[in-house]
Amino acid sequence: MSVELPESCGPVSHRVRETLLGRATSNPLVMKDQSVTCDRDAQLALWTVYELSYRGFAGVHAGREWDPEVVALRLGLEDRFEGELRDATRARVSAELDVGGDVGDVVLRMARDAEGPNLSAFLRREATRAQLVDFLRERSVQQLKESDPQAFLVPRLTGAAKVALAELQYDEFGAGRPATLHQQLYADALASSGLDPAYGAYVNDVSAVSLASANVMSLFCLNRRLLAAGVGHFAAFEASSSVPSRRIAAGLERVGLDGAVRYFDEHVEADAVHEQIAARDLCGALVAGDPKAVNEVLFGAACTSYLDCLSGTELMARWTGDTGPRDHQQTPVMAS
């Protein structure tokens, strides 16, 4: 089912919106020097373009997915986003390569030793009901399409790696039961907390970092050249889910949001197993077949930790009042 086209919040997302609606403009977009990772205008534009490869938008022709102008906008944003991620994670990847070891062990270590605030511990012990609801809202853009990006990886893998990912996807997609689709469980968690469970309902509200956390999966999984990074990101994501999910479930119960607990309880059990399959069977098989892929696997894994750190820092600052208003405006990365 198609969703509504997001409202623009700056020149880049405005340009994308106008292009998708068939309103041609001759004004060029000029790249600026500011970061795109934390720029809401850039991330919303990228999310909008990526969504053409998923469910699309009401009133937007499906053929726009491959419109040359849209593809050019996507490539320009992707180039900047990928470059910033590589710059931000280069030291971590280099350090892990120096330590070495089995790739599965390295990915699990990277997930375990991630830096940044312990967001899940705060949600478990201190967060108010409103803060937990805010957390659920921020994660909605990502979790309501859970495992959809990784489905693009399946036909690009072979042998044991393909089998491992298919095994994981089977669970993520409900193990044959529509009611237990992880996306559906998250929608149920939103509805039980008084939030809108519709796909894309909060894309106009969530932060740049929340959009970036969703977009990085599409960046890796829609580009065949980034297959190994997509595998590493997914494995690190699975490996960093079980313990935090247990804490978040406890926090939700503490504030009376019991209806939202099932999604996180599911991940306590499932991801404790999934992390081993993803790190050892999926990453391990990929690197066994192509030893040079280890660098890209670790790059993807490092991006998981990096964006989680940015998100946790942002949310903690918002909730504890250490910074200014949540929706402060940033200088656009492009200008029309």
Protein backbone atom coordinates (compact mmCIF):
# COMPACT_ATOMS: atom_id res chain seq x y z
CA MET A 1 0.00 0.00 0.00
CA SER A 2 1.40 3.39 -1.01
CA VAL A 3 1.97 6.14 1.57
CA GLU A 4 1.59 9.88 1.33
CA LEU A 5 4.49 11.83 -0.14
CA PRO A 6 6.32 13.59 2.74
CA GLU A 7 6.24 17.34 3.13
CA SER A 8 9.52 18.99 2.21
CA CYS A 9 11.66 20.63 4.91
CA GLY A 10 14.32 22.31 2.78
CA PRO A 11 15.57 22.78 -0.77
CA VAL A 12 16.72 19.20 -1.33
CA SER A 13 13.55 17.46 -0.19
CA HIS A 14 11.55 20.17 -1.97
CA ARG A 15 13.38 19.41 -5.21
CA VAL A 16 12.72 15.68 -4.82
CA ARG A 17 9.05 16.28 -4.08
CA GLU A 18 8.58 18.58 -7.04
CA THR A 19 10.35 16.12 -9.34
CA LEU A 20 8.18 13.19 -8.21
CA LEU A 21 5.06 15.28 -8.79
CA GLY A 22 6.19 16.08 -12.31
CA ARG A 23 6.87 19.74 -11.69
CA ALA A 24 10.02 20.31 -13.68
CA THR A 25 12.50 22.98 -12.67
CA SER A 26 15.63 24.22 -14.38
CA ASN A 27 17.25 25.54 -11.20
CA PRO A 28 20.37 23.48 -10.39
CA LEU A 29 21.10 22.11 -6.95
CA VAL A 30 24.50 23.18 -5.66
CA MET A 31 26.28 20.96 -3.15
CA LYS A 32 27.25 22.62 0.13
CA ASP A 33 29.94 21.57 2.57
CA GLN A 34 27.72 20.68 5.53
CA SER A 35 27.27 17.09 6.68
CA VAL A 36 24.36 15.21 5.17
CA THR A 37 24.26 12.57 7.93
CA CYS A 38 22.67 14.91 10.46
CA ASP A 39 20.86 17.15 7.98
CA ARG A 40 17.13 16.43 8.02
CA ASP A 41 16.51 17.94 4.60
CA ALA A 42 19.09 15.66 2.96
CA GLN A 43 18.01 12.53 4.84
CA LEU A 44 14.32 13.12 4.14
CA ALA A 45 15.13 13.58 0.44
CA LEU A 46 17.12 10.34 0.42
CA TRP A 47 14.40 8.44 2.30
CA THR A 48 11.82 9.67 -0.19
CA VAL A 49 13.86 8.54 -3.18
CA TYR A 50 14.59 5.17 -1.58
CA GLU A 51 10.93 4.62 -0.80
CA LEU A 52 10.25 4.43 -4.54
CA SER A 53 11.96 1.00 -4.39
CA TYR A 54 9.68 -0.16 -1.57
CA ARG A 55 5.99 0.82 -1.39
CA GLY A 56 6.00 4.05 -3.36
CA PHE A 57 3.72 7.03 -2.85
CA ALA A 58 0.11 7.79 -3.55
CA GLY A 59 -0.12 9.96 -6.65
CA VAL A 60 3.45 9.22 -7.79
CA HIS A 61 3.90 7.00 -10.86
CA ALA A 62 5.89 3.84 -10.14
CA GLY A 63 8.14 4.61 -13.08
CA ARG A 64 9.66 7.52 -11.17
CA GLU A 65 11.90 4.97 -9.43
CA TRP A 66 14.15 5.03 -12.50
CA ASP A 67 13.57 8.61 -13.61
CA PRO A 68 17.04 9.93 -14.63
CA GLU A 69 16.68 13.12 -12.58
CA VAL A 70 15.58 11.17 -9.50
CA VAL A 71 18.45 8.70 -9.92
CA ALA A 72 20.90 11.58 -10.27
CA LEU A 73 19.61 13.16 -7.04
CA ARG A 74 19.91 9.82 -5.28
CA LEU A 75 23.47 9.23 -6.47
CA GLY A 76 24.60 12.67 -5.36
CA LEU A 77 23.16 12.21 -1.87
CA GLU A 78 24.43 8.64 -1.59
CA ASP A 79 27.94 9.69 -2.52
CA ARG A 80 28.04 12.26 0.27
CA PHE A 81 26.37 9.99 2.82
CA GLU A 82 28.64 7.02 2.10
CA GLY A 83 31.73 9.22 2.17
CA GLU A 84 30.82 10.63 5.58
CA LEU A 85 30.15 7.16 6.97
CA ARG A 86 33.50 5.90 5.71
CA ASP A 87 35.31 8.88 7.23
CA ALA A 88 33.53 8.41 10.56
CA THR A 89 34.25 4.68 10.81
CA ARG A 90 37.67 4.38 9.18
CA ALA A 91 39.64 4.39 12.43
CA ARG A 92 37.37 1.78 14.03
CA VAL A 93 37.57 -0.53 11.03
CA SER A 94 41.35 -0.15 10.86
CA ALA A 95 41.71 -0.92 14.56
CA GLU A 96 39.58 -4.06 14.28
CA LEU A 97 41.54 -5.26 11.26
CA ASP A 98 44.76 -4.79 13.22
CA VAL A 99 43.42 -6.94 16.07
CA GLY A 100 42.16 -9.50 13.60
CA GLY A 101 40.48 -12.81 14.30
CA ASP A 102 37.55 -14.72 12.88
CA VAL A 103 35.16 -12.28 11.21
CA GLY A 104 32.23 -13.55 13.26
CA ASP A 105 34.10 -12.89 16.49
CA VAL A 106 35.09 -9.43 15.28
CA VAL A 107 31.53 -8.44 14.39
CA LEU A 108 30.24 -9.66 17.75
CA ARG A 109 33.03 -7.77 19.51
CA MET A 110 32.20 -4.59 17.62
CA ALA A 111 28.57 -4.85 18.66
CA ARG A 112 29.52 -5.54 22.28
CA ASP A 113 32.07 -2.72 22.51
CA ALA A 114 29.98 -0.02 20.85
CA GLU A 115 30.50 3.47 22.21
CA GLY A 116 27.90 6.06 23.15
CA PRO A 117 25.29 6.49 25.88
CA ASN A 118 23.60 3.39 27.26
CA LEU A 119 20.19 4.31 25.93
CA SER A 120 18.52 1.01 26.76
CA ALA A 121 19.64 1.24 30.41
CA PHE A 122 18.08 4.71 30.65
CA LEU A 123 14.86 3.46 29.07
CA ARG A 124 14.75 0.59 31.52
CA ARG A 125 15.27 2.55 34.73
CA GLU A 126 14.62 6.25 34.29
CA ALA A 127 12.67 7.15 31.15
CA THR A 128 9.20 8.57 31.56
CA ARG A 129 6.21 7.22 29.70
CA ALA A 130 6.40 10.15 27.29
CA GLN A 131 10.08 9.47 26.59
CA LEU A 132 9.43 5.81 25.86
CA VAL A 133 6.63 6.78 23.49
CA ASP A 134 9.00 9.25 21.85
CA PHE A 135 11.54 6.45 21.43
CA LEU A 136 8.94 4.20 19.77
CA ARG A 137 7.97 7.01 17.42
CA GLU A 138 11.57 7.75 16.42
CA ARG A 139 12.23 4.09 15.62
CA SER A 140 9.03 3.65 13.59
CA VAL A 141 10.43 4.69 10.21
CA GLN A 142 13.08 2.00 10.55
CA GLN A 143 11.18 -0.80 12.28
CA LEU A 144 8.03 -0.71 10.16
CA LYS A 145 10.15 -1.85 7.23
CA GLU A 146 12.21 -4.27 9.31
CA SER A 147 14.20 -6.67 7.11
CA ASP A 148 12.73 -5.32 3.86
CA PRO A 149 16.08 -3.79 2.80
CA GLN A 150 17.95 -7.01 3.56
CA ALA A 151 15.60 -8.95 1.27
CA PHE A 152 17.46 -7.30 -1.63
CA LEU A 153 20.63 -9.05 -0.48
CA VAL A 154 19.26 -12.58 -0.89
CA PRO A 155 19.61 -12.93 -4.70
CA ARG A 156 23.13 -11.47 -4.53
CA LEU A 157 24.42 -14.15 -2.18
CA THR A 158 25.24 -17.77 -2.91
CA GLY A 159 25.64 -21.00 -0.99
CA ALA A 160 25.88 -20.98 2.79
CA ALA A 161 25.60 -17.19 3.05
CA LYS A 162 22.32 -17.20 1.11
CA VAL A 163 20.94 -20.00 3.28
CA ALA A 164 21.92 -18.18 6.49
CA LEU A 165 20.23 -14.94 5.43
CA ALA A 166 17.12 -16.79 4.24
CA GLU A 167 16.90 -18.51 7.64
CA LEU A 168 17.05 -15.16 9.41
CA GLN A 169 14.56 -13.56 7.03
CA TYR A 170 12.08 -16.38 7.60
CA ASP A 171 11.91 -15.48 11.29
CA GLU A 172 11.88 -11.73 10.63
CA PHE A 173 8.93 -12.16 8.29
CA GLY A 174 6.86 -14.06 10.83
CA ALA A 175 7.88 -17.69 10.24
CA GLY A 176 4.82 -18.22 8.07
CA ARG A 177 2.40 -16.30 10.31
CA PRO A 178 1.38 -12.78 9.18
CA ALA A 179 0.48 -11.77 12.73
CA THR A 180 4.05 -12.35 13.89
CA LEU A 181 5.78 -10.37 11.17
CA HIS A 182 8.23 -8.25 13.12
CA GLN A 183 6.94 -5.22 11.25
CA GLN A 184 3.42 -6.08 12.40
CA LEU A 185 4.56 -6.58 15.99
CA TYR A 186 6.09 -3.10 15.93
CA ALA A 187 2.89 -1.65 14.46
CA ASP A 188 1.00 -3.31 17.31
CA ALA A 189 3.44 -1.77 19.80
CA LEU A 190 2.82 1.68 18.32
CA ALA A 191 -0.97 1.28 18.39
CA SER A 192 -0.97 0.04 21.98
CA SER A 193 1.03 3.14 22.97
CA GLY A 194 -1.42 5.55 21.39
CA LEU A 195 0.68 6.12 18.26
CA ASP A 196 -0.25 5.79 14.60
CA PRO A 197 0.81 2.31 13.38
CA ALA A 198 0.62 3.22 9.69
CA TYR A 199 3.74 2.73 7.61
CA GLY A 200 5.55 6.06 7.23
CA ALA A 201 3.16 7.89 9.55
CA TYR A 202 5.95 9.78 11.34
CA VAL A 203 8.39 10.42 8.52
CA ASN A 204 7.60 14.13 8.78
CA ASP A 205 8.36 14.12 12.52
CA VAL A 206 11.42 11.98 13.21
CA SER A 207 14.95 13.36 13.35
CA ALA A 208 17.65 13.35 10.70
CA VAL A 209 19.55 10.64 12.56
CA SER A 210 16.48 8.40 12.72
CA LEU A 211 16.07 8.83 8.97
CA ALA A 212 19.78 8.14 8.46
CA SER A 213 19.51 4.92 10.48
CA ALA A 214 16.82 3.74 8.07
CA ASN A 215 18.57 5.10 4.99
CA VAL A 216 21.88 3.35 5.67
CA MET A 217 20.17 -0.01 5.21
CA SER A 218 18.80 1.06 1.84
CA LEU A 219 22.18 2.50 0.86
CA PHE A 220 23.86 -0.84 1.48
CA CYS A 221 21.11 -3.15 0.29
CA LEU A 222 19.97 -1.38 -2.88
CA ASN A 223 23.55 -1.04 -4.19
CA ARG A 224 25.02 -4.39 -5.25
CA ARG A 225 28.57 -3.04 -4.88
CA LEU A 226 27.87 -2.61 -1.13
CA LEU A 227 26.68 -6.18 -0.56
CA ALA A 228 29.35 -6.99 2.04
CA ALA A 229 28.65 -3.77 3.94
CA GLY A 230 24.95 -4.65 4.00
CA VAL A 231 25.77 -8.08 5.42
CA GLY A 232 28.04 -6.58 8.10
CA HIS A 233 25.50 -3.92 9.06
CA PHE A 234 22.73 -6.50 9.39
CA ALA A 235 24.89 -8.84 11.47
CA ALA A 236 25.92 -6.05 13.86
CA PHE A 237 22.32 -4.90 14.10
CA GLU A 238 21.20 -8.39 15.09
CA ALA A 239 24.10 -8.74 17.53
CA SER A 240 23.22 -5.50 19.30
CA SER A 241 19.52 -6.22 19.77
CA SER A 242 18.89 -8.95 22.34
CA VAL A 243 20.15 -7.32 25.57
CA PRO A 244 18.80 -3.83 24.78
CA SER A 245 15.42 -5.36 23.88
CA ARG A 246 15.22 -6.97 27.31
CA ARG A 247 15.91 -3.63 28.99
CA ILE A 248 13.44 -1.73 26.84
CA ALA A 249 10.74 -4.31 27.55
CA ALA A 250 11.34 -3.82 31.27
CA GLY A 251 11.08 -0.05 30.87
CA LEU A 252 7.82 -0.31 28.96
CA GLU A 253 6.36 -2.53 31.67
CA ARG A 254 7.55 -0.10 34.34
CA VAL A 255 5.50 2.78 32.86
CA GLY A 256 2.45 0.69 32.04
CA LEU A 257 2.99 0.26 28.28
CA ASP A 258 2.57 -3.49 28.51
CA GLY A 259 0.98 -3.73 25.08
CA ALA A 260 4.25 -2.67 23.46
CA VAL A 261 6.34 -5.33 25.18
CA ARG A 262 5.70 -8.25 22.83
CA TYR A 263 7.82 -6.85 20.01
CA PHE A 264 10.85 -6.49 22.28
CA ASP A 265 10.29 -9.84 24.02
CA GLU A 266 10.36 -11.46 20.58
CA HIS A 267 13.75 -9.93 19.92
CA VAL A 268 15.19 -11.00 23.27
CA GLU A 269 14.79 -14.63 22.27
CA ALA A 270 15.14 -14.45 18.50
CA ASP A 271 18.18 -12.20 18.27
CA ALA A 272 20.15 -14.17 20.83
CA VAL A 273 20.15 -16.91 18.19
CA HIS A 274 20.16 -14.60 15.17
CA GLU A 275 23.36 -12.86 16.21
CA GLN A 276 25.30 -16.11 15.98
CA ILE A 277 23.83 -17.04 12.60
CA ALA A 278 24.37 -13.54 11.23
CA ALA A 279 27.91 -13.10 12.48
CA ARG A 280 29.29 -16.61 12.03
CA ASP A 281 27.24 -18.23 9.26
CA LEU A 282 26.34 -15.20 7.15
CA CYS A 283 29.47 -13.04 7.53
CA GLY A 284 31.69 -16.06 7.93
CA ALA A 285 30.48 -17.70 4.73
CA LEU A 286 30.71 -14.48 2.75
CA VAL A 287 34.30 -13.82 3.83
CA ALA A 288 35.28 -17.47 3.33
CA GLY A 289 34.22 -17.13 -0.28
CA ASP A 290 35.81 -13.69 -0.70
CA PRO A 291 38.46 -12.88 1.93
CA LYS A 292 38.80 -9.32 0.62
CA ALA A 293 35.19 -8.66 1.66
CA VAL A 294 36.18 -8.48 5.34
CA ASN A 295 36.95 -4.77 5.14
CA GLU A 296 33.48 -3.98 3.82
CA VAL A 297 31.79 -6.31 6.31
CA LEU A 298 33.49 -4.44 9.15
CA PHE A 299 32.62 -1.09 7.57
CA GLY A 300 28.94 -2.04 7.61
CA ALA A 301 29.20 -3.28 11.19
CA ALA A 302 30.92 -0.06 12.27
CA CYS A 303 28.14 2.01 10.71
CA THR A 304 25.62 0.25 12.94
CA SER A 305 27.51 1.32 16.06
CA TYR A 306 28.22 4.81 14.76
CA LEU A 307 24.60 5.65 13.94
CA ASP A 308 23.36 4.04 17.16
CA CYS A 309 25.76 6.30 19.05
CA LEU A 310 24.50 9.38 17.21
CA SER A 311 20.89 8.42 17.86
CA GLY A 312 21.43 7.63 21.53
CA THR A 313 23.31 10.87 22.07
CA GLU A 314 20.57 12.85 20.35
CA LEU A 315 17.74 11.27 22.31
CA MET A 316 19.49 11.55 25.66
CA ALA A 317 20.25 15.20 24.99
CA ARG A 318 16.64 15.84 24.05
CA TRP A 319 15.24 14.13 27.12
CA THR A 320 17.72 15.42 29.69
CA GLY A 321 17.66 19.01 28.41
CA ASP A 322 21.36 19.28 27.73
CA THR A 323 20.91 20.96 24.33
CA GLY A 324 18.57 23.33 22.58
CA PRO A 325 15.23 22.60 20.96
CA ARG A 326 14.73 19.28 19.26
CA ASP A 327 13.89 20.65 15.81
CA HIS A 328 16.64 23.21 15.42
CA GLN A 329 17.23 24.11 11.80
CA GLN A 330 20.47 23.19 10.09
CA THR A 331 22.07 24.84 7.07
CA PRO A 332 20.93 22.87 4.00
CA VAL A 333 23.52 20.75 2.20
CA MET A 334 22.23 22.00 -1.12
CA ALA A 335 20.62 25.17 -2.29
CA SER A 336 18.27 25.71 -5.18
